[in-house]
Amino acid sequence: MSATPDDPFLQTILPTTHDLGGFKVHRTLPSRPRTMVGPFVFFDQMGPAHLPPGGGIDVRPHPHINLSTVTYLFDGAIDHRDSLGTFATIRPGAVNLMTAGTGIVHSERSPAGERPGGPALSGIQTWLALPDGREEIDPAFEHVPAEAMPVIAAGGATARVVMGTLWGETSPVTAHAPTIYADIALAPGGAIPIDAEADERALYVATGEASVDGLRLEPATLYVLRPGTRATLRSTTGGRVMLAGGGAFATPRHVWWNFVSSSRGRIDQAKADWKAGRFPIVPGDEGESIPLPEVPLTVSYP
């Protein structure tokens, strides 16, 4: 949805919602109106949900290329395993950054200890395209604990800087391209300035209520700010808002299933490699994998 010239929002992107059995995922990127905001090429909100006792999420091993995945939780826990031999459990406030580069395979499952009582699940998973000239870097993984993340508290707002530099604080999480990413908790009556510190920026209300300069933000909707816009984010009753963006990419990115690249040919090669079993395996999770879909749910619309 496009905006009028006096509106602070360049675009308003409504979500596509998928019911994955026990929890819902709201996806705003990629979409028909827009594929990217800065390096962000995929934006999913998982939950919030409480899964049935004994259950959990079981995302079987699957591949990625030419991107980084960023997993950030509000509630619950996820066990990450990948083809580098990594095992890490992510919990709220921490960051899992997995860089696919030339290719990586990973799985995401609810920890065994969380399953008996019915695990909680709530958070944001994003993909960031790797910049030109760095799409084929070596795969890597980093886990940054919650206590290492900078937090700003003022004016009834508490903001955790997930990536990049915001409000004078810099996250320790690796950024392969200019990136800003923050988790903003607004108390009732809280406010925080949103400065023009990046080429492209978007706001997303994950829970509660918020507005920008008096304009209400609907939940689970991505609001792309006009370049250069300075505004104030407020909440009357309290809310949680994600701020995401960064430098604009000169070269478009294509998305097909779990593959992101500036080259359609590279995506075709990844499809063939996964189908032929040429990707590496995930130690400790070798028994199953997600097959290549005929029609993927995640695609870009060039």
C-alpha atoms as a PDB file:
ATOM      1  CA  MET A   1       0.000   0.000   0.000  1.00  0.00           C
ATOM      2  CA  SER A   2       1.474   3.374  -1.033  1.00  0.00           C
ATOM      3  CA  ALA A   3       1.269   6.579   0.994  1.00  0.00           C
ATOM      4  CA  THR A   4       0.441  10.219   0.296  1.00  0.00           C
ATOM      5  CA  PRO A   5       3.360  12.724   0.096  1.00  0.00           C
ATOM      6  CA  ASP A   6       2.668  14.228   3.585  1.00  0.00           C
ATOM      7  CA  ASP A   7       2.562  10.792   5.215  1.00  0.00           C
ATOM      8  CA  PRO A   8       5.769   9.780   7.082  1.00  0.00           C
ATOM      9  CA  PHE A   9       5.354   6.300   5.607  1.00  0.00           C
ATOM     10  CA  LEU A  10       6.535   5.455   2.126  1.00  0.00           C
ATOM     11  CA  GLN A  11       4.751   2.096   2.155  1.00  0.00           C
ATOM     12  CA  THR A  12       2.525   0.017   4.417  1.00  0.00           C
ATOM     13  CA  ILE A  13       3.030  -3.722   3.968  1.00  0.00           C
ATOM     14  CA  LEU A  14       0.331  -6.067   5.231  1.00  0.00           C
ATOM     15  CA  PRO A  15       1.360  -9.542   6.374  1.00  0.00           C
ATOM     16  CA  THR A  16       0.788 -12.914   4.799  1.00  0.00           C
ATOM     17  CA  THR A  17      -0.177 -15.231   7.661  1.00  0.00           C
ATOM     18  CA  HIS A  18       0.658 -18.935   7.696  1.00  0.00           C
ATOM     19  CA  ASP A  19      -0.785 -21.358  10.253  1.00  0.00           C
ATOM     20  CA  LEU A  20       1.986 -23.863  10.977  1.00  0.00           C
ATOM     21  CA  GLY A  21      -0.045 -26.010  13.358  1.00  0.00           C
ATOM     22  CA  GLY A  22      -0.152 -24.677  16.895  1.00  0.00           C
ATOM     23  CA  PHE A  23       1.269 -21.264  16.014  1.00  0.00           C
ATOM     24  CA  LYS A  24       1.009 -18.606  13.331  1.00  0.00           C
ATOM     25  CA  VAL A  25       3.713 -16.806  11.376  1.00  0.00           C
ATOM     26  CA  HIS A  26       3.116 -13.288  10.007  1.00  0.00           C
ATOM     27  CA  ARG A  27       5.371 -12.529   7.016  1.00  0.00           C
ATOM     28  CA  THR A  28       5.819  -8.999   5.656  1.00  0.00           C
ATOM     29  CA  LEU A  29       9.008  -9.448   3.610  1.00  0.00           C
ATOM     30  CA  PRO A  30       9.402 -10.380   0.841  1.00  0.00           C
ATOM     31  CA  SER A  31       6.098  -9.070  -0.492  1.00  0.00           C
ATOM     32  CA  ARG A  32       4.636  -7.957  -3.795  1.00  0.00           C
ATOM     33  CA  PRO A  33       5.001  -4.255  -2.909  1.00  0.00           C
ATOM     34  CA  ARG A  34       8.600  -4.572  -1.716  1.00  0.00           C
ATOM     35  CA  THR A  35      11.373  -7.153  -1.423  1.00  0.00           C
ATOM     36  CA  MET A  36      13.878  -5.370   0.849  1.00  0.00           C
ATOM     37  CA  VAL A  37      14.320  -2.710   3.528  1.00  0.00           C
ATOM     38  CA  GLY A  38      18.063  -2.097   3.720  1.00  0.00           C
ATOM     39  CA  PRO A  39      19.562  -5.600   3.850  1.00  0.00           C
ATOM     40  CA  PHE A  40      16.367  -7.120   5.327  1.00  0.00           C
ATOM     41  CA  VAL A  41      14.856  -9.437   2.728  1.00  0.00           C
ATOM     42  CA  PHE A  42      12.680 -11.595   5.011  1.00  0.00           C
ATOM     43  CA  PHE A  43      10.722 -10.582   8.109  1.00  0.00           C
ATOM     44  CA  ASP A  44       8.688 -13.139  10.074  1.00  0.00           C
ATOM     45  CA  GLN A  45       6.923 -12.842  13.411  1.00  0.00           C
ATOM     46  CA  MET A  46       6.540 -16.245  15.104  1.00  0.00           C
ATOM     47  CA  GLY A  47       3.665 -16.558  17.575  1.00  0.00           C
ATOM     48  CA  PRO A  48       3.102 -15.613  20.336  1.00  0.00           C
ATOM     49  CA  ALA A  49       1.983 -19.137  21.158  1.00  0.00           C
ATOM     50  CA  HIS A  50       2.061 -21.864  23.774  1.00  0.00           C
ATOM     51  CA  LEU A  51       2.357 -25.237  22.109  1.00  0.00           C
ATOM     52  CA  PRO A  52       0.650 -28.370  23.511  1.00  0.00           C
ATOM     53  CA  PRO A  53       2.428 -30.338  26.264  1.00  0.00           C
ATOM     54  CA  GLY A  54       4.899 -32.769  24.733  1.00  0.00           C
ATOM     55  CA  GLY A  55       4.973 -30.825  21.481  1.00  0.00           C
ATOM     56  CA  GLY A  56       7.293 -28.225  20.054  1.00  0.00           C
ATOM     57  CA  ILE A  57       8.652 -26.819  16.832  1.00  0.00           C
ATOM     58  CA  ASP A  58      10.676 -29.150  14.649  1.00  0.00           C
ATOM     59  CA  VAL A  59      12.091 -27.344  11.633  1.00  0.00           C
ATOM     60  CA  ARG A  60      14.045 -30.114   9.922  1.00  0.00           C
ATOM     61  CA  PRO A  61      17.444 -29.481   8.305  1.00  0.00           C
ATOM     62  CA  HIS A  62      17.209 -27.119   5.327  1.00  0.00           C
ATOM     63  CA  PRO A  63      19.708 -25.063   3.297  1.00  0.00           C
ATOM     64  CA  HIS A  64      20.499 -21.364   2.771  1.00  0.00           C
ATOM     65  CA  ILE A  65      22.851 -19.403   0.517  1.00  0.00           C
ATOM     66  CA  ASN A  66      24.023 -15.765   0.166  1.00  0.00           C
ATOM     67  CA  LEU A  67      22.296 -14.473   3.318  1.00  0.00           C
ATOM     68  CA  SER A  68      22.470 -14.202   7.096  1.00  0.00           C
ATOM     69  CA  THR A  69      19.626 -15.344   9.328  1.00  0.00           C
ATOM     70  CA  VAL A  70      18.934 -13.431  12.543  1.00  0.00           C
ATOM     71  CA  THR A  71      16.833 -15.154  15.212  1.00  0.00           C
ATOM     72  CA  TYR A  72      15.574 -13.019  18.104  1.00  0.00           C
ATOM     73  CA  LEU A  73      13.103 -14.298  20.711  1.00  0.00           C
ATOM     74  CA  PHE A  74      10.672 -12.567  23.050  1.00  0.00           C
ATOM     75  CA  ASP A  75       9.666 -15.825  24.768  1.00  0.00           C
ATOM     76  CA  GLY A  76      10.618 -19.501  24.629  1.00  0.00           C
ATOM     77  CA  ALA A  77      13.787 -21.206  23.427  1.00  0.00           C
ATOM     78  CA  ILE A  78      15.095 -22.821  20.224  1.00  0.00           C
ATOM     79  CA  ASP A  79      17.918 -25.330  19.731  1.00  0.00           C
ATOM     80  CA  HIS A  80      19.999 -24.457  16.670  1.00  0.00           C
ATOM     81  CA  ARG A  81      22.200 -27.012  14.896  1.00  0.00           C
ATOM     82  CA  ASP A  82      24.059 -26.439  11.648  1.00  0.00           C
ATOM     83  CA  SER A  83      26.420 -28.080   9.188  1.00  0.00           C
ATOM     84  CA  LEU A  84      29.411 -26.304  10.752  1.00  0.00           C
ATOM     85  CA  GLY A  85      28.856 -28.503  13.813  1.00  0.00           C
ATOM     86  CA  THR A  86      27.336 -25.672  15.856  1.00  0.00           C
ATOM     87  CA  PHE A  87      24.869 -26.339  18.650  1.00  0.00           C
ATOM     88  CA  ALA A  88      23.362 -23.337  20.470  1.00  0.00           C
ATOM     89  CA  THR A  89      20.189 -22.695  22.444  1.00  0.00           C
ATOM     90  CA  ILE A  90      18.779 -19.222  21.941  1.00  0.00           C
ATOM     91  CA  ARG A  91      16.657 -17.552  24.616  1.00  0.00           C
ATOM     92  CA  PRO A  92      14.935 -14.147  24.834  1.00  0.00           C
ATOM     93  CA  GLY A  93      17.128 -11.097  24.262  1.00  0.00           C
ATOM     94  CA  ALA A  94      20.018 -13.035  22.716  1.00  0.00           C
ATOM     95  CA  VAL A  95      20.891 -13.123  19.012  1.00  0.00           C
ATOM     96  CA  ASN A  96      21.691 -16.033  16.743  1.00  0.00           C
ATOM     97  CA  LEU A  97      23.398 -14.808  13.566  1.00  0.00           C
ATOM     98  CA  MET A  98      23.985 -17.530  10.983  1.00  0.00           C
ATOM     99  CA  THR A  99      25.808 -16.503   7.823  1.00  0.00           C
ATOM    100  CA  ALA A 100      25.143 -18.867   4.930  1.00  0.00           C
ATOM    101  CA  GLY A 101      27.535 -17.439   2.329  1.00  0.00           C
ATOM    102  CA  THR A 102      28.467 -20.282  -0.023  1.00  0.00           C
ATOM    103  CA  GLY A 103      25.957 -22.562   1.671  1.00  0.00           C
ATOM    104  CA  ILE A 104      24.892 -23.886   5.064  1.00  0.00           C
ATOM    105  CA  VAL A 105      22.276 -26.296   6.415  1.00  0.00           C
ATOM    106  CA  HIS A 106      20.572 -25.936   9.807  1.00  0.00           C
ATOM    107  CA  SER A 107      17.685 -27.159  11.929  1.00  0.00           C
ATOM    108  CA  GLU A 108      15.615 -25.420  14.604  1.00  0.00           C
ATOM    109  CA  ARG A 109      13.801 -27.399  17.295  1.00  0.00           C
ATOM    110  CA  SER A 110      12.248 -26.826  20.700  1.00  0.00           C
ATOM    111  CA  PRO A 111      14.629 -28.009  23.456  1.00  0.00           C
ATOM    112  CA  ALA A 112      13.720 -31.353  25.035  1.00  0.00           C
ATOM    113  CA  GLY A 113      13.504 -29.739  28.481  1.00  0.00           C
ATOM    114  CA  GLU A 114      10.875 -27.251  27.270  1.00  0.00           C
ATOM    115  CA  ARG A 115       8.509 -29.818  25.734  1.00  0.00           C
ATOM    116  CA  PRO A 116       6.808 -31.534  28.725  1.00  0.00           C
ATOM    117  CA  GLY A 117       4.997 -28.406  29.880  1.00  0.00           C
ATOM    118  CA  GLY A 118       4.264 -27.113  26.383  1.00  0.00           C
ATOM    119  CA  PRO A 119       6.919 -24.716  25.039  1.00  0.00           C
ATOM    120  CA  ALA A 120       6.323 -21.023  24.493  1.00  0.00           C
ATOM    121  CA  LEU A 121       7.229 -19.466  21.155  1.00  0.00           C
ATOM    122  CA  SER A 122       7.374 -15.761  20.375  1.00  0.00           C
ATOM    123  CA  GLY A 123       9.911 -13.796  18.376  1.00  0.00           C
ATOM    124  CA  ILE A 124      11.169 -12.416  15.102  1.00  0.00           C
ATOM    125  CA  GLN A 125      13.215 -14.182  12.468  1.00  0.00           C
ATOM    126  CA  THR A 126      14.772 -12.141   9.698  1.00  0.00           C
ATOM    127  CA  TRP A 127      17.077 -12.770   6.752  1.00  0.00           C
ATOM    128  CA  LEU A 128      19.642 -10.204   5.679  1.00  0.00           C
ATOM    129  CA  ALA A 129      21.016 -10.295   2.155  1.00  0.00           C
ATOM    130  CA  LEU A 130      24.798 -10.300   1.947  1.00  0.00           C
ATOM    131  CA  PRO A 131      26.206  -7.304   0.043  1.00  0.00           C
ATOM    132  CA  ASP A 132      27.642  -7.300  -3.461  1.00  0.00           C
ATOM    133  CA  GLY A 133      31.047  -8.942  -3.508  1.00  0.00           C
ATOM    134  CA  ARG A 134      30.401 -10.803  -0.225  1.00  0.00           C
ATOM    135  CA  GLU A 135      27.555 -13.141  -1.118  1.00  0.00           C
ATOM    136  CA  GLU A 136      29.902 -16.128  -1.346  1.00  0.00           C
ATOM    137  CA  ILE A 137      31.830 -15.639   1.906  1.00  0.00           C
ATOM    138  CA  ASP A 138      32.520 -18.616   4.161  1.00  0.00           C
ATOM    139  CA  PRO A 139      29.618 -19.859   6.291  1.00  0.00           C
ATOM    140  CA  ALA A 140      29.739 -18.770   9.943  1.00  0.00           C
ATOM    141  CA  PHE A 141      27.680 -18.704  13.142  1.00  0.00           C
ATOM    142  CA  GLU A 142      27.723 -16.416  16.156  1.00  0.00           C
ATOM    143  CA  HIS A 143      25.636 -16.344  19.315  1.00  0.00           C
ATOM    144  CA  VAL A 144      25.550 -13.091  21.292  1.00  0.00           C
ATOM    145  CA  PRO A 145      23.952 -13.428  24.761  1.00  0.00           C
ATOM    146  CA  ALA A 146      21.309 -11.012  26.006  1.00  0.00           C
ATOM    147  CA  GLU A 147      23.621  -9.475  28.606  1.00  0.00           C
ATOM    148  CA  ALA A 148      26.064  -8.396  25.874  1.00  0.00           C
ATOM    149  CA  MET A 149      23.465  -6.332  24.003  1.00  0.00           C
ATOM    150  CA  PRO A 150      23.378  -2.560  24.651  1.00  0.00           C
ATOM    151  CA  VAL A 151      20.143  -1.252  26.173  1.00  0.00           C
ATOM    152  CA  ILE A 152      18.924   2.353  26.236  1.00  0.00           C
ATOM    153  CA  ALA A 153      16.255   3.415  28.739  1.00  0.00           C
ATOM    154  CA  ALA A 154      14.648   6.886  28.705  1.00  0.00           C
ATOM    155  CA  GLY A 155      11.254   8.516  28.382  1.00  0.00           C
ATOM    156  CA  GLY A 156       9.317   5.371  29.238  1.00  0.00           C
ATOM    157  CA  ALA A 157      11.065   3.410  26.477  1.00  0.00           C
ATOM    158  CA  THR A 158      13.632   0.630  26.719  1.00  0.00           C
ATOM    159  CA  ALA A 159      15.444  -0.143  23.472  1.00  0.00           C
ATOM    160  CA  ARG A 160      17.804  -3.061  22.880  1.00  0.00           C
ATOM    161  CA  VAL A 161      20.190  -2.428  19.954  1.00  0.00           C
ATOM    162  CA  VAL A 162      20.192  -5.770  18.146  1.00  0.00           C
ATOM    163  CA  MET A 163      22.401  -4.704  15.219  1.00  0.00           C
ATOM    164  CA  GLY A 164      24.183  -1.543  14.152  1.00  0.00           C
ATOM    165  CA  THR A 165      24.432   1.800  15.963  1.00  0.00           C
ATOM    166  CA  LEU A 166      21.355   3.547  17.377  1.00  0.00           C
ATOM    167  CA  TRP A 167      20.889   6.257  20.040  1.00  0.00           C
ATOM    168  CA  GLY A 168      24.668   6.368  20.545  1.00  0.00           C
ATOM    169  CA  GLU A 169      25.063   2.646  21.289  1.00  0.00           C
ATOM    170  CA  THR A 170      26.546  -0.066  19.053  1.00  0.00           C
ATOM    171  CA  SER A 171      25.611  -3.752  19.040  1.00  0.00           C
ATOM    172  CA  PRO A 172      28.409  -6.354  19.096  1.00  0.00           C
ATOM    173  CA  VAL A 173      26.560  -8.472  16.504  1.00  0.00           C
ATOM    174  CA  THR A 174      28.395  -8.677  13.162  1.00  0.00           C
ATOM    175  CA  ALA A 175      26.831  -6.633  10.343  1.00  0.00           C
ATOM    176  CA  HIS A 176      28.016  -7.551   6.849  1.00  0.00           C
ATOM    177  CA  ALA A 177      26.252  -4.495   5.375  1.00  0.00           C
ATOM    178  CA  PRO A 178      25.136  -1.199   6.977  1.00  0.00           C
ATOM    179  CA  THR A 179      22.303  -2.362   9.261  1.00  0.00           C
ATOM    180  CA  ILE A 180      20.098  -1.038  12.048  1.00  0.00           C
ATOM    181  CA  TYR A 181      17.861  -3.298  14.124  1.00  0.00           C
ATOM    182  CA  ALA A 182      16.282  -2.632  17.518  1.00  0.00           C
ATOM    183  CA  ASP A 183      13.706  -4.064  19.925  1.00  0.00           C
ATOM    184  CA  ILE A 184      11.784  -1.171  21.510  1.00  0.00           C
ATOM    185  CA  ALA A 185       9.586  -1.737  24.577  1.00  0.00           C
ATOM    186  CA  LEU A 186       7.264   1.198  25.270  1.00  0.00           C
ATOM    187  CA  ALA A 187       5.634   1.592  28.684  1.00  0.00           C
ATOM    188  CA  PRO A 188       2.223   3.313  28.822  1.00  0.00           C
ATOM    189  CA  GLY A 189       2.911   6.912  27.849  1.00  0.00           C
ATOM    190  CA  GLY A 190       6.437   6.061  26.664  1.00  0.00           C
ATOM    191  CA  ALA A 191       8.142   7.671  23.658  1.00  0.00           C
ATOM    192  CA  ILE A 192      11.419   7.464  21.739  1.00  0.00           C
ATOM    193  CA  PRO A 193      12.799   9.438  18.758  1.00  0.00           C
ATOM    194  CA  ILE A 194      13.279   7.716  15.411  1.00  0.00           C
ATOM    195  CA  ASP A 195      16.077   9.545  13.625  1.00  0.00           C
ATOM    196  CA  ALA A 196      17.063   9.437   9.968  1.00  0.00           C
ATOM    197  CA  GLU A 197      20.181   7.334  10.588  1.00  0.00           C
ATOM    198  CA  ALA A 198      19.789   4.934   7.637  1.00  0.00           C
ATOM    199  CA  ASP A 199      18.807   4.992   3.962  1.00  0.00           C
ATOM    200  CA  GLU A 200      15.841   2.687   4.543  1.00  0.00           C
ATOM    201  CA  ARG A 201      13.899   2.073   7.780  1.00  0.00           C
ATOM    202  CA  ALA A 202      10.745   0.283   8.814  1.00  0.00           C
ATOM    203  CA  LEU A 203       8.698  -0.093  12.007  1.00  0.00           C
ATOM    204  CA  TYR A 204       6.750  -3.182  13.062  1.00  0.00           C
ATOM    205  CA  VAL A 205       4.428  -3.488  16.088  1.00  0.00           C
ATOM    206  CA  ALA A 206       4.943  -6.977  17.480  1.00  0.00           C
ATOM    207  CA  THR A 207       2.633  -6.599  20.492  1.00  0.00           C
ATOM    208  CA  GLY A 208       0.513  -3.874  22.073  1.00  0.00           C
ATOM    209  CA  GLU A 209      -0.098  -0.446  20.612  1.00  0.00           C
ATOM    210  CA  ALA A 210       2.045   2.351  19.150  1.00  0.00           C
ATOM    211  CA  SER A 211       1.857   5.421  16.947  1.00  0.00           C
ATOM    212  CA  VAL A 212       4.220   7.646  14.946  1.00  0.00           C
ATOM    213  CA  ASP A 213       3.559  11.374  15.173  1.00  0.00           C
ATOM    214  CA  GLY A 214      -0.084  10.645  16.023  1.00  0.00           C
ATOM    215  CA  LEU A 215      -0.620   8.018  13.304  1.00  0.00           C
ATOM    216  CA  ARG A 216      -1.614   4.640  14.744  1.00  0.00           C
ATOM    217  CA  LEU A 217       0.461   1.619  13.718  1.00  0.00           C
ATOM    218  CA  GLU A 218      -1.490  -1.585  13.178  1.00  0.00           C
ATOM    219  CA  PRO A 219       0.015  -4.768  14.646  1.00  0.00           C
ATOM    220  CA  ALA A 220       1.863  -7.241  12.398  1.00  0.00           C
ATOM    221  CA  THR A 221       2.250  -4.597   9.679  1.00  0.00           C
ATOM    222  CA  LEU A 222       5.510  -3.232   8.286  1.00  0.00           C
ATOM    223  CA  TYR A 223       5.615   0.555   7.958  1.00  0.00           C
ATOM    224  CA  VAL A 224       8.421   1.772   5.677  1.00  0.00           C
ATOM    225  CA  LEU A 225       9.458   5.307   6.597  1.00  0.00           C
ATOM    226  CA  ARG A 226      10.174   7.926   3.980  1.00  0.00           C
ATOM    227  CA  PRO A 227      13.921   8.628   3.567  1.00  0.00           C
ATOM    228  CA  GLY A 228      15.040  11.449   5.841  1.00  0.00           C
ATOM    229  CA  THR A 229      11.942  11.321   8.051  1.00  0.00           C
ATOM    230  CA  ARG A 230      12.478  12.129  11.730  1.00  0.00           C
ATOM    231  CA  ALA A 231       9.603  11.138  13.965  1.00  0.00           C
ATOM    232  CA  THR A 232       8.588  10.146  17.491  1.00  0.00           C
ATOM    233  CA  LEU A 233       7.362   6.669  18.332  1.00  0.00           C
ATOM    234  CA  ARG A 234       4.827   6.658  21.196  1.00  0.00           C
ATOM    235  CA  SER A 235       2.471   4.307  23.008  1.00  0.00           C
ATOM    236  CA  THR A 236      -0.571   5.171  25.112  1.00  0.00           C
ATOM    237  CA  THR A 237      -1.134   1.729  26.628  1.00  0.00           C
ATOM    238  CA  GLY A 238       2.250   0.047  26.003  1.00  0.00           C
ATOM    239  CA  GLY A 239       3.717  -1.866  23.109  1.00  0.00           C
ATOM    240  CA  ARG A 240       6.715  -3.608  21.573  1.00  0.00           C
ATOM    241  CA  VAL A 241       8.060  -2.332  18.261  1.00  0.00           C
ATOM    242  CA  MET A 242      10.897  -3.511  16.019  1.00  0.00           C
ATOM    243  CA  LEU A 243      12.923  -0.954  14.055  1.00  0.00           C
ATOM    244  CA  ALA A 244      14.764  -2.450  11.057  1.00  0.00           C
ATOM    245  CA  GLY A 245      16.686  -1.112   8.081  1.00  0.00           C
ATOM    246  CA  GLY A 246      20.045  -0.012   6.784  1.00  0.00           C
ATOM    247  CA  GLY A 247      21.824   0.953   3.595  1.00  0.00           C
ATOM    248  CA  ALA A 248      19.931   0.606   0.330  1.00  0.00           C
ATOM    249  CA  PHE A 249      21.210  -2.153  -1.969  1.00  0.00           C
ATOM    250  CA  ALA A 250      22.173  -1.089  -5.498  1.00  0.00           C
ATOM    251  CA  THR A 251      21.611  -4.599  -6.867  1.00  0.00           C
ATOM    252  CA  PRO A 252      18.230  -6.344  -6.446  1.00  0.00           C
ATOM    253  CA  ARG A 253      18.004  -9.635  -4.593  1.00  0.00           C
ATOM    254  CA  HIS A 254      15.970 -12.632  -5.697  1.00  0.00           C
ATOM    255  CA  VAL A 255      14.321 -14.944  -3.174  1.00  0.00           C
ATOM    256  CA  TRP A 256      13.176 -18.499  -3.826  1.00  0.00           C
ATOM    257  CA  TRP A 257      12.359 -20.712  -0.833  1.00  0.00           C
ATOM    258  CA  ASN A 258      15.413 -20.519   1.501  1.00  0.00           C
ATOM    259  CA  PHE A 259      17.745 -19.148  -1.166  1.00  0.00           C
ATOM    260  CA  VAL A 260      18.628 -15.464  -1.637  1.00  0.00           C
ATOM    261  CA  SER A 261      20.996 -14.150  -4.294  1.00  0.00           C
ATOM    262  CA  SER A 262      21.636 -11.349  -6.765  1.00  0.00           C
ATOM    263  CA  SER A 263      21.837 -14.121  -9.409  1.00  0.00           C
ATOM    264  CA  ARG A 264      18.912 -16.275 -10.493  1.00  0.00           C
ATOM    265  CA  GLY A 265      21.431 -18.744 -11.863  1.00  0.00           C
ATOM    266  CA  ARG A 266      23.004 -19.105  -8.424  1.00  0.00           C
ATOM    267  CA  ILE A 267      19.589 -19.914  -6.950  1.00  0.00           C
ATOM    268  CA  ASP A 268      18.995 -22.510  -9.672  1.00  0.00           C
ATOM    269  CA  GLN A 269      22.347 -24.094  -8.807  1.00  0.00           C
ATOM    270  CA  ALA A 270      21.419 -24.209  -5.100  1.00  0.00           C
ATOM    271  CA  LYS A 271      18.107 -25.865  -5.954  1.00  0.00           C
ATOM    272  CA  ALA A 272      19.896 -28.527  -7.976  1.00  0.00           C
ATOM    273  CA  ASP A 273      22.533 -29.027  -5.260  1.00  0.00           C
ATOM    274  CA  TRP A 274      19.922 -29.540  -2.525  1.00  0.00           C
ATOM    275  CA  LYS A 275      17.905 -31.934  -4.656  1.00  0.00           C
ATOM    276  CA  ALA A 276      21.059 -33.943  -5.473  1.00  0.00           C
ATOM    277  CA  GLY A 277      22.253 -34.058  -1.843  1.00  0.00           C
ATOM    278  CA  ARG A 278      25.365 -31.935  -2.433  1.00  0.00           C
ATOM    279  CA  PHE A 279      24.901 -29.671   0.618  1.00  0.00           C
ATOM    280  CA  PRO A 280      26.657 -30.680   3.880  1.00  0.00           C
ATOM    281  CA  ILE A 281      24.802 -32.513   6.633  1.00  0.00           C
ATOM    282  CA  VAL A 282      23.944 -31.291  10.146  1.00  0.00           C
ATOM    283  CA  PRO A 283      25.856 -33.326  12.754  1.00  0.00           C
ATOM    284  CA  GLY A 284      23.429 -34.609  15.370  1.00  0.00           C
ATOM    285  CA  ASP A 285      20.428 -34.090  13.069  1.00  0.00           C
ATOM    286  CA  GLU A 286      21.241 -36.235  10.051  1.00  0.00           C
ATOM    287  CA  GLY A 287      18.084 -38.362   9.917  1.00  0.00           C
ATOM    288  CA  GLU A 288      15.712 -36.106   7.984  1.00  0.00           C
ATOM    289  CA  SER A 289      15.509 -32.936   5.927  1.00  0.00           C
ATOM    290  CA  ILE A 290      12.999 -30.678   4.205  1.00  0.00           C
ATOM    291  CA  PRO A 291      12.673 -31.571   0.503  1.00  0.00           C
ATOM    292  CA  LEU A 292      12.872 -28.951  -2.234  1.00  0.00           C
ATOM    293  CA  PRO A 293       9.311 -27.658  -2.727  1.00  0.00           C
ATOM    294  CA  GLU A 294       7.612 -27.504  -6.096  1.00  0.00           C
ATOM    295  CA  VAL A 295       5.949 -24.198  -5.147  1.00  0.00           C
ATOM    296  CA  PRO A 296       7.659 -22.390  -2.242  1.00  0.00           C
ATOM    297  CA  LEU A 297       5.829 -20.108   0.189  1.00  0.00           C
ATOM    298  CA  THR A 298       8.694 -17.597   0.139  1.00  0.00           C
ATOM    299  CA  VAL A 299       9.419 -15.846  -3.172  1.00  0.00           C
ATOM    300  CA  SER A 300      10.283 -12.363  -4.386  1.00  0.00           C
ATOM    301  CA  TYR A 301       8.218 -10.560  -7.004  1.00  0.00           C
ATOM    302  CA  PRO A 302      10.554  -8.770  -9.409  1.00  0.00           C
END
